[in-house]
Amino acid sequence: MKLRKRLLTVLLLAFTAVNFGCAMPIWNPSPDIRARQLIYSSEGLRHIPEIWERVWGLELPDLATPYRVHGGVI
């Protein structure tokens, strides 16, 4: 049982290391190809603020009045 647990742990760590680029590099060593890969991967992150504003409705007009209103009867 202990051997199986250790083996599964080692396999999990090995797969995680390869997935994160520790054992094998994620990006190409050539500067030209690596720059293209980085541009392609960052293109999806460029639209996050626009998506965030659309989700939270930040681009909608503010319905509050721009001046102070007296709430009581004069």
PDB file of N, CA and C in Angstrom:
ATOM      1  N   MET A   1       0.829  -1.193   0.000  1.00  0.00           N
ATOM      2  CA  MET A   1       0.000   0.000   0.000  1.00  0.00           C
ATOM      3  C   MET A   1       0.872   1.255   0.000  1.00  0.00           C
ATOM      4  N   LYS A   2       1.924   1.267   0.794  1.00  0.00           N
ATOM      5  CA  LYS A   2       2.804   2.428   0.843  1.00  0.00           C
ATOM      6  C   LYS A   2       3.534   2.608  -0.483  1.00  0.00           C
ATOM      7  N   LEU A   3       3.933   1.504  -1.089  1.00  0.00           N
ATOM      8  CA  LEU A   3       4.632   1.594  -2.366  1.00  0.00           C
ATOM      9  C   LEU A   3       3.721   2.171  -3.448  1.00  0.00           C
ATOM     10  N   ARG A   4       2.471   1.744  -3.447  1.00  0.00           N
ATOM     11  CA  ARG A   4       1.520   2.242  -4.430  1.00  0.00           C
ATOM     12  C   ARG A   4       1.280   3.746  -4.233  1.00  0.00           C
ATOM     13  N   LYS A   5       1.168   4.164  -2.983  1.00  0.00           N
ATOM     14  CA  LYS A   5       0.948   5.576  -2.690  1.00  0.00           C
ATOM     15  C   LYS A   5       2.149   6.416  -3.125  1.00  0.00           C
ATOM     16  N   ARG A   6       3.348   5.927  -2.862  1.00  0.00           N
ATOM     17  CA  ARG A   6       4.557   6.637  -3.260  1.00  0.00           C
ATOM     18  C   ARG A   6       4.672   6.712  -4.782  1.00  0.00           C
ATOM     19  N   LEU A   7       4.360   5.608  -5.448  1.00  0.00           N
ATOM     20  CA  LEU A   7       4.423   5.570  -6.906  1.00  0.00           C
ATOM     21  C   LEU A   7       3.429   6.553  -7.520  1.00  0.00           C
ATOM     22  N   LEU A   8       2.217   6.584  -7.010  1.00  0.00           N
ATOM     23  CA  LEU A   8       1.217   7.524  -7.513  1.00  0.00           C
ATOM     24  C   LEU A   8       1.627   8.973  -7.252  1.00  0.00           C
ATOM     25  N   THR A   9       2.238   9.220  -6.098  1.00  0.00           N
ATOM     26  CA  THR A   9       2.707  10.569  -5.787  1.00  0.00           C
ATOM     27  C   THR A   9       3.821  10.997  -6.733  1.00  0.00           C
ATOM     28  N   VAL A  10       4.758  10.093  -6.997  1.00  0.00           N
ATOM     29  CA  VAL A  10       5.857  10.406  -7.912  1.00  0.00           C
ATOM     30  C   VAL A  10       5.328  10.647  -9.319  1.00  0.00           C
ATOM     31  N   LEU A  11       4.385   9.833  -9.766  1.00  0.00           N
ATOM     32  CA  LEU A  11       3.802  10.024 -11.095  1.00  0.00           C
ATOM     33  C   LEU A  11       3.038  11.342 -11.187  1.00  0.00           C
ATOM     34  N   LEU A  12       2.302  11.672 -10.146  1.00  0.00           N
ATOM     35  CA  LEU A  12       1.567  12.930 -10.127  1.00  0.00           C
ATOM     36  C   LEU A  12       2.522  14.120 -10.177  1.00  0.00           C
ATOM     37  N   LEU A  13       3.594  14.067  -9.412  1.00  0.00           N
ATOM     38  CA  LEU A  13       4.583  15.146  -9.424  1.00  0.00           C
ATOM     39  C   LEU A  13       5.282  15.245 -10.778  1.00  0.00           C
ATOM     40  N   ALA A  14       5.573  14.108 -11.390  1.00  0.00           N
ATOM     41  CA  ALA A  14       6.225  14.122 -12.702  1.00  0.00           C
ATOM     42  C   ALA A  14       5.306  14.738 -13.760  1.00  0.00           C
ATOM     43  N   PHE A  15       4.039  14.348 -13.768  1.00  0.00           N
ATOM     44  CA  PHE A  15       3.098  14.916 -14.734  1.00  0.00           C
ATOM     45  C   PHE A  15       2.891  16.403 -14.491  1.00  0.00           C
ATOM     46  N   THR A  16       2.857  16.822 -13.230  1.00  0.00           N
ATOM     47  CA  THR A  16       2.698  18.234 -12.905  1.00  0.00           C
ATOM     48  C   THR A  16       3.915  19.036 -13.354  1.00  0.00           C
ATOM     49  N   ALA A  17       5.110  18.482 -13.139  1.00  0.00           N
ATOM     50  CA  ALA A  17       6.335  19.184 -13.543  1.00  0.00           C
ATOM     51  C   ALA A  17       6.395  19.351 -15.057  1.00  0.00           C
ATOM     52  N   VAL A  18       6.003  18.340 -15.794  1.00  0.00           N
ATOM     53  CA  VAL A  18       6.011  18.438 -17.255  1.00  0.00           C
ATOM     54  C   VAL A  18       4.941  19.419 -17.713  1.00  0.00           C
ATOM     55  N   ASN A  19       3.804  19.423 -17.038  1.00  0.00           N
ATOM     56  CA  ASN A  19       2.714  20.316 -17.420  1.00  0.00           C
ATOM     57  C   ASN A  19       3.083  21.777 -17.190  1.00  0.00           C
ATOM     58  N   PHE A  20       3.811  22.085 -16.131  1.00  0.00           N
ATOM     59  CA  PHE A  20       4.197  23.460 -15.824  1.00  0.00           C
ATOM     60  C   PHE A  20       5.471  23.881 -16.532  1.00  0.00           C
ATOM     61  N   GLY A  21       6.093  23.015 -17.265  1.00  0.00           N
ATOM     62  CA  GLY A  21       7.278  23.380 -18.013  1.00  0.00           C
ATOM     63  C   GLY A  21       8.556  23.272 -17.214  1.00  0.00           C
ATOM     64  N   CYS A  22       8.556  22.541 -16.118  1.00  0.00           N
ATOM     65  CA  CYS A  22       9.774  22.398 -15.325  1.00  0.00           C
ATOM     66  C   CYS A  22      10.734  21.406 -15.983  1.00  0.00           C
ATOM     67  N   ALA A  23      10.226  20.256 -16.380  1.00  0.00           N
ATOM     68  CA  ALA A  23      11.087  19.239 -16.980  1.00  0.00           C
ATOM     69  C   ALA A  23      11.332  19.544 -18.462  1.00  0.00           C
ATOM     70  N   MET A  24      10.280  19.925 -19.162  1.00  0.00           N
ATOM     71  CA  MET A  24      10.395  20.303 -20.568  1.00  0.00           C
ATOM     72  C   MET A  24       9.958  21.753 -20.692  1.00  0.00           C
ATOM     73  N   PRO A  25      10.735  22.601 -21.329  1.00  0.00           N
ATOM     74  CA  PRO A  25      10.335  24.012 -21.446  1.00  0.00           C
ATOM     75  C   PRO A  25       9.069  24.171 -22.286  1.00  0.00           C
ATOM     76  N   ILE A  26       8.244  25.101 -21.890  1.00  0.00           N
ATOM     77  CA  ILE A  26       6.988  25.334 -22.608  1.00  0.00           C
ATOM     78  C   ILE A  26       7.248  26.079 -23.903  1.00  0.00           C
ATOM     79  N   TRP A  27       8.149  27.085 -23.849  1.00  0.00           N
ATOM     80  CA  TRP A  27       8.395  27.940 -25.002  1.00  0.00           C
ATOM     81  C   TRP A  27       9.586  27.435 -25.802  1.00  0.00           C
ATOM     82  N   ASN A  28       9.588  27.740 -27.068  1.00  0.00           N
ATOM     83  CA  ASN A  28      10.654  27.354 -27.979  1.00  0.00           C
ATOM     84  C   ASN A  28      11.928  28.154 -27.660  1.00  0.00           C
ATOM     85  N   PRO A  29      13.110  27.553 -27.765  1.00  0.00           N
ATOM     86  CA  PRO A  29      14.329  28.303 -27.455  1.00  0.00           C
ATOM     87  C   PRO A  29      14.687  29.370 -28.495  1.00  0.00           C
ATOM     88  N   SER A  30      14.169  29.284 -29.676  1.00  0.00           N
ATOM     89  CA  SER A  30      14.428  30.290 -30.703  1.00  0.00           C
ATOM     90  C   SER A  30      13.701  31.590 -30.349  1.00  0.00           C
ATOM     91  N   PRO A  31      14.404  32.732 -30.308  1.00  0.00           N
ATOM     92  CA  PRO A  31      13.757  33.981 -29.901  1.00  0.00           C
ATOM     93  C   PRO A  31      12.599  34.404 -30.807  1.00  0.00           C
ATOM     94  N   ASP A  32      12.716  34.162 -32.108  1.00  0.00           N
ATOM     95  CA  ASP A  32      11.647  34.559 -33.029  1.00  0.00           C
ATOM     96  C   ASP A  32      10.376  33.750 -32.787  1.00  0.00           C
ATOM     97  N   ILE A  33      10.531  32.450 -32.689  1.00  0.00           N
ATOM     98  CA  ILE A  33       9.365  31.586 -32.474  1.00  0.00           C
ATOM     99  C   ILE A  33       8.795  31.804 -31.082  1.00  0.00           C
ATOM    100  N   ARG A  34       9.674  32.000 -30.079  1.00  0.00           N
ATOM    101  CA  ARG A  34       9.209  32.226 -28.706  1.00  0.00           C
ATOM    102  C   ARG A  34       8.405  33.522 -28.613  1.00  0.00           C
ATOM    103  N   ALA A  35       8.842  34.578 -29.299  1.00  0.00           N
ATOM    104  CA  ALA A  35       8.091  35.838 -29.292  1.00  0.00           C
ATOM    105  C   ALA A  35       6.709  35.645 -29.895  1.00  0.00           C
ATOM    106  N   ARG A  36       6.630  34.911 -30.988  1.00  0.00           N
ATOM    107  CA  ARG A  36       5.333  34.648 -31.607  1.00  0.00           C
ATOM    108  C   ARG A  36       4.435  33.846 -30.669  1.00  0.00           C
ATOM    109  N   GLN A  37       5.002  32.843 -29.982  1.00  0.00           N
ATOM    110  CA  GLN A  37       4.215  32.037 -29.043  1.00  0.00           C
ATOM    111  C   GLN A  37       3.706  32.896 -27.886  1.00  0.00           C
ATOM    112  N   LEU A  38       4.533  33.784 -27.378  1.00  0.00           N
ATOM    113  CA  LEU A  38       4.118  34.641 -26.270  1.00  0.00           C
ATOM    114  C   LEU A  38       3.035  35.620 -26.702  1.00  0.00           C
ATOM    115  N   ILE A  39       3.144  36.137 -27.921  1.00  0.00           N
ATOM    116  CA  ILE A  39       2.106  37.041 -28.422  1.00  0.00           C
ATOM    117  C   ILE A  39       0.786  36.290 -28.569  1.00  0.00           C
ATOM    118  N   TYR A  40       0.824  35.098 -29.111  1.00  0.00           N
ATOM    119  CA  TYR A  40      -0.402  34.319 -29.274  1.00  0.00           C
ATOM    120  C   TYR A  40      -1.029  33.971 -27.934  1.00  0.00           C
ATOM    121  N   SER A  41      -0.213  33.643 -26.942  1.00  0.00           N
ATOM    122  CA  SER A  41      -0.779  33.258 -25.647  1.00  0.00           C
ATOM    123  C   SER A  41      -1.305  34.465 -24.886  1.00  0.00           C
ATOM    124  N   SER A  42      -0.748  35.660 -25.096  1.00  0.00           N
ATOM    125  CA  SER A  42      -1.215  36.833 -24.363  1.00  0.00           C
ATOM    126  C   SER A  42      -2.405  37.505 -25.034  1.00  0.00           C
ATOM    127  N   GLU A  43      -2.719  37.150 -26.268  1.00  0.00           N
ATOM    128  CA  GLU A  43      -3.850  37.769 -26.951  1.00  0.00           C
ATOM    129  C   GLU A  43      -5.158  37.490 -26.229  1.00  0.00           C
ATOM    130  N   GLY A  44      -5.296  36.289 -25.680  1.00  0.00           N
ATOM    131  CA  GLY A  44      -6.521  35.966 -24.957  1.00  0.00           C
ATOM    132  C   GLY A  44      -6.638  36.738 -23.655  1.00  0.00           C
ATOM    133  N   LEU A  45      -5.513  37.114 -23.039  1.00  0.00           N
ATOM    134  CA  LEU A  45      -5.545  37.836 -21.775  1.00  0.00           C
ATOM    135  C   LEU A  45      -5.821  39.321 -21.975  1.00  0.00           C
ATOM    136  N   ARG A  46      -5.641  39.818 -23.191  1.00  0.00           N
ATOM    137  CA  ARG A  46      -5.827  41.237 -23.464  1.00  0.00           C
ATOM    138  C   ARG A  46      -7.289  41.652 -23.318  1.00  0.00           C
ATOM    139  N   HIS A  47      -8.220  40.742 -23.528  1.00  0.00           N
ATOM    140  CA  HIS A  47      -9.639  41.066 -23.521  1.00  0.00           C
ATOM    141  C   HIS A  47     -10.282  40.901 -22.151  1.00  0.00           C
ATOM    142  N   ILE A  48      -9.526  40.538 -21.142  1.00  0.00           N
ATOM    143  CA  ILE A  48     -10.103  40.298 -19.811  1.00  0.00           C
ATOM    144  C   ILE A  48     -10.757  41.551 -19.235  1.00  0.00           C
ATOM    145  N   PRO A  49     -10.134  42.750 -19.287  1.00  0.00           N
ATOM    146  CA  PRO A  49     -10.828  43.921 -18.722  1.00  0.00           C
ATOM    147  C   PRO A  49     -12.155  44.227 -19.410  1.00  0.00           C
ATOM    148  N   GLU A  50     -12.231  44.045 -20.724  1.00  0.00           N
ATOM    149  CA  GLU A  50     -13.485  44.295 -21.426  1.00  0.00           C
ATOM    150  C   GLU A  50     -14.559  43.289 -21.011  1.00  0.00           C
ATOM    151  N   ILE A  51     -14.163  42.035 -20.850  1.00  0.00           N
ATOM    152  CA  ILE A  51     -15.115  41.014 -20.402  1.00  0.00           C
ATOM    153  C   ILE A  51     -15.570  41.324 -18.983  1.00  0.00           C
ATOM    154  N   TRP A  52     -14.636  41.762 -18.128  1.00  0.00           N
ATOM    155  CA  TRP A  52     -14.954  42.077 -16.733  1.00  0.00           C
ATOM    156  C   TRP A  52     -15.965  43.229 -16.675  1.00  0.00           C
ATOM    157  N   GLU A  53     -15.768  44.264 -17.491  1.00  0.00           N
ATOM    158  CA  GLU A  53     -16.709  45.380 -17.509  1.00  0.00           C
ATOM    159  C   GLU A  53     -18.076  44.944 -18.015  1.00  0.00           C
ATOM    160  N   ARG A  54     -18.095  44.077 -19.000  1.00  0.00           N
ATOM    161  CA  ARG A  54     -19.374  43.616 -19.535  1.00  0.00           C
ATOM    162  C   ARG A  54     -20.115  42.752 -18.518  1.00  0.00           C
ATOM    163  N   VAL A  55     -19.377  41.916 -17.780  1.00  0.00           N
ATOM    164  CA  VAL A  55     -20.020  41.047 -16.792  1.00  0.00           C
ATOM    165  C   VAL A  55     -20.606  41.864 -15.651  1.00  0.00           C
ATOM    166  N   TRP A  56     -19.867  42.855 -15.158  1.00  0.00           N
ATOM    167  CA  TRP A  56     -20.315  43.639 -14.013  1.00  0.00           C
ATOM    168  C   TRP A  56     -21.145  44.846 -14.419  1.00  0.00           C
ATOM    169  N   GLY A  57     -21.346  45.067 -15.709  1.00  0.00           N
ATOM    170  CA  GLY A  57     -22.168  46.188 -16.153  1.00  0.00           C
ATOM    171  C   GLY A  57     -21.534  47.531 -15.895  1.00  0.00           C
ATOM    172  N   LEU A  58     -20.222  47.618 -15.974  1.00  0.00           N
ATOM    173  CA  LEU A  58     -19.544  48.868 -15.665  1.00  0.00           C
ATOM    174  C   LEU A  58     -19.658  49.889 -16.792  1.00  0.00           C
ATOM    175  N   GLU A  59     -19.991  49.446 -17.999  1.00  0.00           N
ATOM    176  CA  GLU A  59     -20.086  50.400 -19.088  1.00  0.00           C
ATOM    177  C   GLU A  59     -21.488  50.999 -19.202  1.00  0.00           C
ATOM    178  N   LEU A  60     -22.415  50.558 -18.349  1.00  0.00           N
ATOM    179  CA  LEU A  60     -23.764  51.110 -18.370  1.00  0.00           C
ATOM    180  C   LEU A  60     -23.769  52.508 -17.768  1.00  0.00           C
ATOM    181  N   PRO A  61     -24.686  53.372 -18.185  1.00  0.00           N
ATOM    182  CA  PRO A  61     -24.721  54.717 -17.606  1.00  0.00           C
ATOM    183  C   PRO A  61     -25.149  54.666 -16.144  1.00  0.00           C
ATOM    184  N   ASP A  62     -24.645  55.613 -15.378  1.00  0.00           N
ATOM    185  CA  ASP A  62     -24.972  55.685 -13.961  1.00  0.00           C
ATOM    186  C   ASP A  62     -26.350  56.318 -13.814  1.00  0.00           C
ATOM    187  N   LEU A  63     -27.205  55.708 -13.034  1.00  0.00           N
ATOM    188  CA  LEU A  63     -28.566  56.205 -12.870  1.00  0.00           C
ATOM    189  C   LEU A  63     -28.671  57.197 -11.724  1.00  0.00           C
ATOM    190  N   ALA A  64     -27.630  57.357 -10.936  1.00  0.00           N
ATOM    191  CA  ALA A  64     -27.663  58.309  -9.844  1.00  0.00           C
ATOM    192  C   ALA A  64     -27.598  59.731 -10.396  1.00  0.00           C
ATOM    193  N   THR A  65     -28.227  60.648  -9.675  1.00  0.00           N
ATOM    194  CA  THR A  65     -28.215  62.033 -10.135  1.00  0.00           C
ATOM    195  C   THR A  65     -26.850  62.650  -9.865  1.00  0.00           C
ATOM    196  N   PRO A  66     -26.387  63.522 -10.751  1.00  0.00           N
ATOM    197  CA  PRO A  66     -25.070  64.121 -10.571  1.00  0.00           C
ATOM    198  C   PRO A  66     -25.054  65.250  -9.547  1.00  0.00           C
ATOM    199  N   TYR A  67     -26.228  65.647  -9.003  1.00  0.00           N
ATOM    200  CA  TYR A  67     -26.295  66.727  -8.027  1.00  0.00           C
ATOM    201  C   TYR A  67     -27.042  66.233  -6.792  1.00  0.00           C
ATOM    202  N   ARG A  68     -26.863  66.930  -5.697  1.00  0.00           N
ATOM    203  CA  ARG A  68     -27.476  66.540  -4.430  1.00  0.00           C
ATOM    204  C   ARG A  68     -28.954  66.918  -4.450  1.00  0.00           C
ATOM    205  N   VAL A  69     -29.806  66.027  -4.023  1.00  0.00           N
ATOM    206  CA  VAL A  69     -31.244  66.242  -4.008  1.00  0.00           C
ATOM    207  C   VAL A  69     -31.731  66.307  -2.564  1.00  0.00           C
ATOM    208  N   HIS A  70     -32.557  67.274  -2.263  1.00  0.00           N
ATOM    209  CA  HIS A  70     -33.128  67.368  -0.915  1.00  0.00           C
ATOM    210  C   HIS A  70     -34.238  66.338  -0.812  1.00  0.00           C
ATOM    211  N   GLY A  71     -34.206  65.509   0.192  1.00  0.00           N
ATOM    212  CA  GLY A  71     -35.169  64.436   0.294  1.00  0.00           C
ATOM    213  C   GLY A  71     -36.415  64.787   1.050  1.00  0.00           C
ATOM    214  N   GLY A  72     -36.432  65.893   1.753  1.00  0.00           N
ATOM    215  CA  GLY A  72     -37.601  66.271   2.571  1.00  0.00           C
ATOM    216  C   GLY A  72     -38.539  67.221   1.857  1.00  0.00           C
ATOM    217  N   VAL A  73     -39.643  67.518   2.510  1.00  0.00           N
ATOM    218  CA  VAL A  73     -40.622  68.447   1.959  1.00  0.00           C
ATOM    219  C   VAL A  73     -40.210  69.842   2.376  1.00  0.00           C
ATOM    220  N   ILE A  74     -40.206  70.735   1.420  1.00  0.00           N
ATOM    221  CA  ILE A  74     -39.823  72.123   1.733  1.00  0.00           C
ATOM    222  C   ILE A  74     -41.058  72.935   2.082  1.00  0.00           C
TER     223      ILE A  74
END
